[in-house]
Protein backbone atom coordinates (compact mmCIF):
# COMPACT_ATOMS: atom_id res chain seq x y z
CA UNK A 1 0.03 -0.07 0.00
CA UNK A 2 1.28 3.55 -0.77
CA UNK A 3 2.31 5.47 2.31
CA UNK A 4 1.72 8.84 3.45
CA UNK A 5 4.48 10.49 2.13
CA UNK A 6 3.98 8.63 -1.39
CA UNK A 7 0.49 10.16 -1.57
CA UNK A 8 1.65 13.79 -0.60
CA UNK A 9 4.27 13.97 -3.18
CA UNK A 10 2.09 12.63 -5.74
CA UNK A 11 -0.80 15.43 -4.82
CA UNK A 12 2.28 17.84 -4.86
CA UNK A 13 3.07 16.92 -8.26
CA UNK A 14 -0.39 17.16 -9.59
CA UNK A 15 -0.91 20.88 -7.98
CA UNK A 16 2.35 21.78 -9.75
CA UNK A 17 1.02 20.50 -13.32
CA UNK A 18 -2.43 22.17 -12.79
CA UNK A 19 -0.48 25.33 -11.73
CA UNK A 20 2.00 25.09 -14.74
CA UNK A 21 -1.25 24.49 -17.04
CA UNK A 22 -2.89 27.41 -16.03
CA UNK A 23 -0.20 29.67 -16.28
CA UNK A 24 0.63 28.42 -19.98
CA UNK A 25 -3.19 29.02 -20.86
CA UNK A 26 -3.34 32.53 -19.28
CA UNK A 27 -0.08 33.66 -21.14
CA UNK A 28 -1.68 32.36 -24.57
CA UNK A 29 -5.00 34.31 -23.71
CA UNK A 30 -2.82 37.45 -22.71
CA UNK A 31 -0.92 37.16 -26.06
CA UNK A 32 -3.96 36.85 -28.07
CA UNK A 33 -5.47 39.76 -26.00
CA UNK A 34 -2.34 41.67 -26.84
CA UNK A 35 -2.57 40.82 -30.68
CA UNK A 36 -6.26 41.79 -30.70
CA UNK A 37 -5.64 45.17 -29.04
CA UNK A 38 -2.86 45.83 -31.77
CA UNK A 39 -5.15 44.83 -34.49
CA UNK A 40 -8.38 46.88 -33.02
CA UNK A 41 -7.99 50.76 -32.18
CA UNK A 42 -10.75 53.12 -30.50
CA UNK A 43 -10.91 56.73 -30.90
CA UNK A 44 -13.04 58.55 -28.55
CA UNK A 45 -14.08 62.32 -28.91
CA UNK A 46 -16.99 64.30 -26.83
CA UNK A 47 -19.41 63.30 -29.95
CA UNK A 48 -18.42 60.19 -31.28
CA UNK A 49 -16.64 56.79 -30.61
CA UNK A 50 -14.72 55.36 -33.68
CA UNK A 51 -13.74 51.84 -33.73
CA UNK A 52 -11.35 50.04 -36.47
CA UNK A 53 -10.56 46.81 -37.32
CA UNK A 54 -9.14 44.90 -40.09
CA UNK A 55 -11.40 45.16 -42.83
CA UNK A 56 -13.67 47.85 -41.42
CA UNK A 57 -14.72 50.17 -38.83
CA UNK A 58 -17.75 51.43 -36.57
CA UNK A 59 -18.46 54.74 -35.59
CA UNK A 60 -21.27 55.90 -33.03
CA UNK A 61 -22.37 59.36 -33.11
CA UNK A 62 -23.80 60.69 -30.02
CA UNK A 63 -25.46 63.86 -30.91
CA UNK A 64 -27.12 63.59 -34.40
CA UNK A 65 -29.60 61.39 -35.97
CA UNK A 66 -27.23 59.00 -37.43
CA UNK A 67 -26.13 57.09 -34.21
CA UNK A 68 -24.01 54.35 -36.04
CA UNK A 69 -21.86 54.09 -39.30
CA UNK A 70 -20.52 50.56 -40.14
CA UNK A 71 -18.06 50.04 -42.88
CA UNK A 72 -17.05 46.67 -43.93
CA UNK A 73 -14.62 46.58 -46.91
CA UNK A 74 -16.48 48.47 -49.69
CA UNK A 75 -19.62 48.59 -48.20
CA UNK A 76 -20.84 51.13 -46.05
CA UNK A 77 -24.03 51.28 -43.91
CA UNK A 78 -25.94 54.31 -41.59
CA UNK A 79 -28.16 53.20 -38.70
CA UNK A 80 -30.56 56.15 -38.32
CA UNK A 81 -32.80 56.72 -35.43
CA UNK A 82 -35.71 58.79 -35.92
CA UNK A 83 -36.88 59.90 -32.36
CA UNK A 84 -40.17 61.46 -33.64
CA UNK A 85 -41.31 58.52 -35.45
CA UNK A 86 -40.02 56.16 -33.07
CA UNK A 87 -38.51 54.11 -35.64
CA UNK A 88 -34.71 52.89 -36.77
CA UNK A 89 -33.62 52.66 -40.12
CA UNK A 90 -30.52 51.08 -41.66
CA UNK A 91 -29.48 52.54 -45.30
CA UNK A 92 -26.48 51.52 -47.53
CA UNK A 93 -24.03 54.56 -48.25
CA UNK A 94 -22.94 54.57 -52.14
CA UNK A 95 -19.76 56.47 -52.42
CA UNK A 96 -18.31 56.70 -55.95
CA UNK A 97 -15.95 54.02 -56.71
CA UNK A 98 -12.50 55.44 -57.91
CA UNK A 99 -11.45 52.99 -60.39
CA UNK A 100 -8.82 53.74 -63.39
CA UNK A 101 -10.25 55.40 -66.16
CA UNK A 102 -8.24 55.84 -69.15
CA UNK A 103 -8.54 58.39 -72.12
CA UNK A 104 -9.68 56.77 -75.35
CA UNK A 105 -13.44 57.76 -75.65
CA UNK A 106 -13.98 60.96 -77.22
CA UNK A 107 -13.71 62.93 -80.51
CA UNK A 108 -10.25 63.18 -82.29
CA UNK A 109 -9.57 66.16 -84.86
CA UNK A 110 -6.13 66.08 -86.58
CA UNK A 111 -4.35 66.46 -89.79
CA UNK A 112 -2.95 63.66 -92.07
CA UNK A 113 0.40 62.90 -94.01
CA UNK A 114 2.32 60.05 -95.50
CA UNK A 115 5.78 58.56 -94.71
CA UNK A 116 7.50 56.90 -97.68
CA UNK A 117 9.98 55.53 -95.22
CA UNK A 118 10.00 55.65 -91.45
CA UNK A 119 10.28 59.30 -90.67
CA UNK A 120 10.60 60.15 -93.92
CA UNK A 121 7.83 62.82 -95.36
CA UNK A 122 9.44 63.40 -98.64
CA UNK A 123 7.96 61.14 -101.67
CA UNK A 124 9.87 59.53 -104.33
CA UNK A 125 8.95 60.75 -107.93
CA UNK A 126 7.02 57.76 -108.74
CA UNK A 127 4.74 58.66 -105.66
CA UNK A 128 4.41 62.35 -106.26
CA UNK A 129 0.84 62.20 -107.63
CA UNK A 130 -0.07 61.37 -103.90
CA UNK A 131 1.38 64.74 -102.76
CA UNK A 132 -1.02 66.09 -100.10
CA UNK A 133 -2.36 69.56 -98.82
CA UNK A 134 -1.81 68.94 -95.46
CA UNK A 135 -3.68 71.83 -94.10
CA UNK A 136 -6.75 70.38 -95.69
CA UNK A 137 -6.10 66.63 -95.14
CA UNK A 138 -8.43 66.37 -92.07
CA UNK A 139 -8.36 62.97 -89.63
CA UNK A 140 -11.46 62.62 -87.46
CA UNK A 141 -11.97 60.16 -84.99
CA UNK A 142 -15.09 59.26 -83.14
CA UNK A 143 -14.08 56.78 -80.06
CA UNK A 144 -17.42 55.58 -79.09
CA UNK A 145 -16.51 52.88 -76.69
CA UNK A 146 -13.90 52.18 -73.79
CA UNK A 147 -12.90 49.52 -71.62
CA UNK A 148 -10.21 50.51 -68.71
CA UNK A 149 -8.48 48.09 -66.70
CA UNK A 150 -6.66 49.03 -63.57
CA UNK A 151 -3.18 47.28 -62.75
CA UNK A 152 -3.10 48.40 -59.62
CA UNK A 153 -4.60 46.80 -56.37
CA UNK A 154 -4.90 49.79 -54.25
CA UNK A 155 -4.16 52.60 -56.80
CA UNK A 156 -5.99 53.88 -59.99
CA UNK A 157 -2.91 55.57 -61.52
CA UNK A 158 -2.02 52.74 -64.11
CA UNK A 159 -3.95 50.57 -66.63
CA UNK A 160 -4.66 49.28 -69.82
CA UNK A 161 -7.39 51.03 -72.36
CA UNK A 162 -9.34 49.23 -75.36
CA UNK A 163 -12.16 50.23 -77.07
CA UNK A 164 -13.81 50.77 -80.36
CA UNK A 165 -13.61 53.87 -82.75
CA UNK A 166 -14.38 55.20 -86.38
CA UNK A 167 -11.43 56.76 -87.86
CA UNK A 168 -12.25 59.01 -90.94
CA UNK A 169 -9.15 60.03 -93.02
CA UNK A 170 -9.36 62.61 -95.77
CA UNK A 171 -6.41 63.03 -97.95
CA UNK A 172 -6.47 66.08 -99.90
CA UNK A 173 -4.31 65.78 -102.92
CA UNK A 174 -2.26 68.55 -104.01
CA UNK A 175 -2.31 67.78 -107.95
CA UNK A 176 -4.41 67.77 -110.60
CA UNK A 177 -3.97 63.98 -111.09
CA UNK A 178 -7.13 61.64 -110.81
CA UNK A 179 -6.44 58.78 -109.00
CA UNK A 180 -7.61 55.04 -110.74
CA UNK A 181 -6.13 51.72 -111.46
CA UNK A 182 -4.14 51.08 -114.71
CA UNK A 183 -4.23 48.21 -117.08
CA UNK A 184 -2.26 45.94 -114.46
CA UNK A 185 -5.03 46.65 -111.63
CA UNK A 186 -2.51 48.75 -109.48
CA UNK A 187 -3.08 52.07 -107.98
CA UNK A 188 -2.28 54.86 -110.63
CA UNK A 189 -3.49 58.10 -111.93
CA UNK A 190 -4.83 59.84 -114.98
CA UNK A 191 -4.10 63.40 -116.12
CA UNK A 192 -7.14 65.81 -116.97
CA UNK A 193 -7.32 68.96 -118.70
CA UNK A 194 -9.92 70.23 -116.64
CA UNK A 195 -9.94 72.73 -113.74
CA UNK A 196 -9.71 70.48 -110.65
CA UNK A 197 -10.95 72.54 -107.64
CA UNK A 198 -10.89 69.68 -105.10
CA UNK A 199 -9.41 66.01 -105.28
CA UNK A 200 -9.50 63.84 -102.49
CA UNK A 201 -9.30 59.94 -101.22
CA UNK A 202 -11.29 59.12 -98.11
CA UNK A 203 -11.19 56.16 -96.06
CA UNK A 204 -12.99 54.89 -93.12
CA UNK A 205 -11.88 52.48 -90.59
CA UNK A 206 -13.10 50.69 -87.50
CA UNK A 207 -10.13 50.84 -84.92
CA UNK A 208 -9.28 48.94 -81.93
CA UNK A 209 -6.50 50.21 -79.38
CA UNK A 210 -4.39 48.53 -76.81
CA UNK A 211 -2.98 51.18 -74.67
CA UNK A 212 -0.88 51.18 -71.53
CA UNK A 213 -1.91 54.46 -69.69
CA UNK A 214 0.10 56.28 -66.71
CA UNK A 215 -1.57 59.30 -64.63
CA UNK A 216 0.37 61.52 -62.65
CA UNK A 217 -1.50 63.41 -59.88
CA UNK A 218 -1.52 67.19 -59.99
CA UNK A 219 -3.21 69.87 -58.12
CA UNK A 220 -6.70 68.83 -59.25
CA UNK A 221 -7.24 65.61 -58.21
CA UNK A 222 -9.66 64.66 -60.81
CA UNK A 223 -7.64 66.01 -63.80
CA UNK A 224 -4.33 64.24 -63.58
CA UNK A 225 -1.75 64.57 -66.35
CA UNK A 226 -1.69 61.31 -68.47
CA UNK A 227 0.50 59.75 -71.00
CA UNK A 228 -0.46 56.29 -73.03
CA UNK A 229 1.09 54.41 -75.75
CA UNK A 230 0.42 51.19 -77.55
CA UNK A 231 -0.79 49.68 -80.60
CA UNK A 232 -4.20 49.87 -82.77
CA UNK A 233 -5.39 47.91 -85.73
CA UNK A 234 -8.02 48.76 -88.31
CA UNK A 235 -10.54 47.25 -90.37
CA UNK A 236 -11.63 48.98 -93.76
CA UNK A 237 -15.28 50.03 -93.88
CA UNK A 238 -15.14 52.06 -97.03
CA UNK A 239 -13.15 54.05 -99.23
CA UNK A 240 -13.99 56.55 -102.11
CA UNK A 241 -12.56 59.25 -104.23
CA UNK A 242 -14.15 62.54 -104.83
CA UNK A 243 -13.25 65.23 -107.41
CA UNK A 244 -15.01 68.61 -107.92
CA UNK A 245 -14.51 70.20 -111.40
CA UNK A 246 -14.85 74.08 -112.37
CA UNK A 247 -15.85 74.23 -116.05
CA UNK A 248 -17.62 76.82 -118.11
CA UNK A 249 -20.90 75.14 -117.33
CA UNK A 250 -20.52 75.60 -113.47
CA UNK A 251 -19.22 73.01 -110.71
CA UNK A 252 -19.50 69.42 -111.39
CA UNK A 253 -18.62 66.47 -109.04
CA UNK A 254 -17.47 62.89 -109.48
CA UNK A 255 -17.44 60.35 -106.62
CA UNK A 256 -16.04 56.81 -107.06
CA UNK A 257 -15.80 53.82 -104.99
CA UNK A 258 -13.89 51.90 -107.11
CA UNK A 259 -11.29 49.71 -105.51
CA UNK A 260 -8.07 51.36 -105.38
CA UNK A 261 -6.01 48.54 -103.40
CA UNK A 262 -6.32 50.38 -100.32
CA UNK A 263 -5.56 47.71 -97.47
CA UNK A 264 -8.61 46.19 -95.71
CA UNK A 265 -6.58 45.86 -92.76
CA UNK A 266 -3.95 47.94 -90.73
CA UNK A 267 -1.78 48.43 -87.52
CA UNK A 268 0.08 51.13 -86.22
CA UNK A 269 1.40 52.96 -83.01
CA UNK A 270 -0.03 55.80 -81.16
CA UNK A 271 0.49 57.96 -78.32
CA UNK A 272 -1.78 60.23 -76.41
CA UNK A 273 -0.94 62.88 -73.56
CA UNK A 274 -2.77 65.41 -71.93
CA UNK A 275 -3.48 67.56 -69.21
CA UNK A 276 -7.21 69.26 -68.15
CA UNK A 277 -8.30 70.69 -71.57
CA UNK A 278 -5.26 70.01 -73.50
CA UNK A 279 -4.83 66.53 -74.95
CA UNK A 280 -2.74 65.49 -77.92
CA UNK A 281 -2.63 62.31 -80.19
CA UNK A 282 -0.34 61.11 -82.63
CA UNK A 283 -0.70 57.82 -84.79
CA UNK A 284 1.46 56.07 -87.42
CA UNK A 285 0.49 53.01 -89.50
CA UNK A 286 3.40 50.59 -89.63
CA UNK A 287 1.66 48.89 -92.66
CA UNK A 288 1.37 50.13 -96.00
CA UNK A 289 -1.73 51.96 -97.19
CA UNK A 290 -2.12 49.89 -100.30
CA UNK A 291 -1.42 46.35 -100.89
CA UNK A 292 2.04 45.39 -101.32
CA UNK A 293 3.13 45.80 -104.96
CA UNK A 294 -0.11 47.44 -106.12
CA UNK A 295 0.44 50.85 -105.11
CA UNK A 296 3.07 53.44 -103.85
CA UNK A 297 4.74 52.57 -100.65
CA UNK A 298 3.12 54.96 -98.17
CA UNK A 299 2.66 55.01 -94.27
CA UNK A 300 -0.18 57.33 -93.23
CA UNK A 301 0.38 59.20 -89.92
CA UNK A 302 -1.75 61.77 -88.17
CA UNK A 303 -1.27 64.36 -85.26
CA UNK A 304 -3.97 66.41 -83.76
CA UNK A 305 -6.04 67.18 -80.55
CA UNK A 306 -8.82 65.43 -78.75
CA UNK A 307 -11.59 67.79 -78.29
CA UNK A 308 -14.06 65.83 -76.36
CA UNK A 309 -13.76 63.06 -73.80
CA UNK A 310 -16.65 60.96 -72.73
């Protein structure tokens, strides 16, 4: 049989183990309490108490009708106490979400010209019939759809921009040569002895851009400085020529939709930059205007202003 001394020793060991276990549990609870206190903050003033915690906050206002304001993530609620009606209402507060918004949708107005080689605006003799009156060669872009994709999780200053637009390019020829096709089917010209008042080629493309845009905050938080650049592709919808003659019989117009070998698909590079009401754009086709070996080697480019942003 166990002796009294043995029983006393056993009770002592049990008491020590229980004490150690209690201190361990208390220490863990104290540590958890300290961690919670570090995550939760409480601010108290005369008129309100504001508690913040990870992912949200609660605010109690002691004086006005709004007694409680709760925010969890992007969602915000207000609890309204109407003392006269004896009722309490809960409503969701809708605040504008500050997402990234690019600068593509709008109306562009610019001027057209050609490169015969990269950054070489001079035309070889064989292409001189395409000489332009640049001041009257107008580009109009109606960019009616835009999709912006932010690339920053906690900011809205960098993103991708795509969309759809219609691009109308008027190429006002600075010559008496009338565009057409020769016997081999290549884009060429004919000479007329009539008095040509206006001679132009017009193309219409459906344009799809893919731009990377960065916005730099300024003194106007809703009007940042922006710069974007990227590529675009275009799908030809139509093209035509228009010639206006002045003869003894008066003014006469001739309009033709004959195929002049204008490429049905094009692609190029573009850059856009702006601040407040000043917005500039530049485009340069990296594909030839006419189908390969069926017309002069020309690369259209445009520069201009964005008049309106949607």
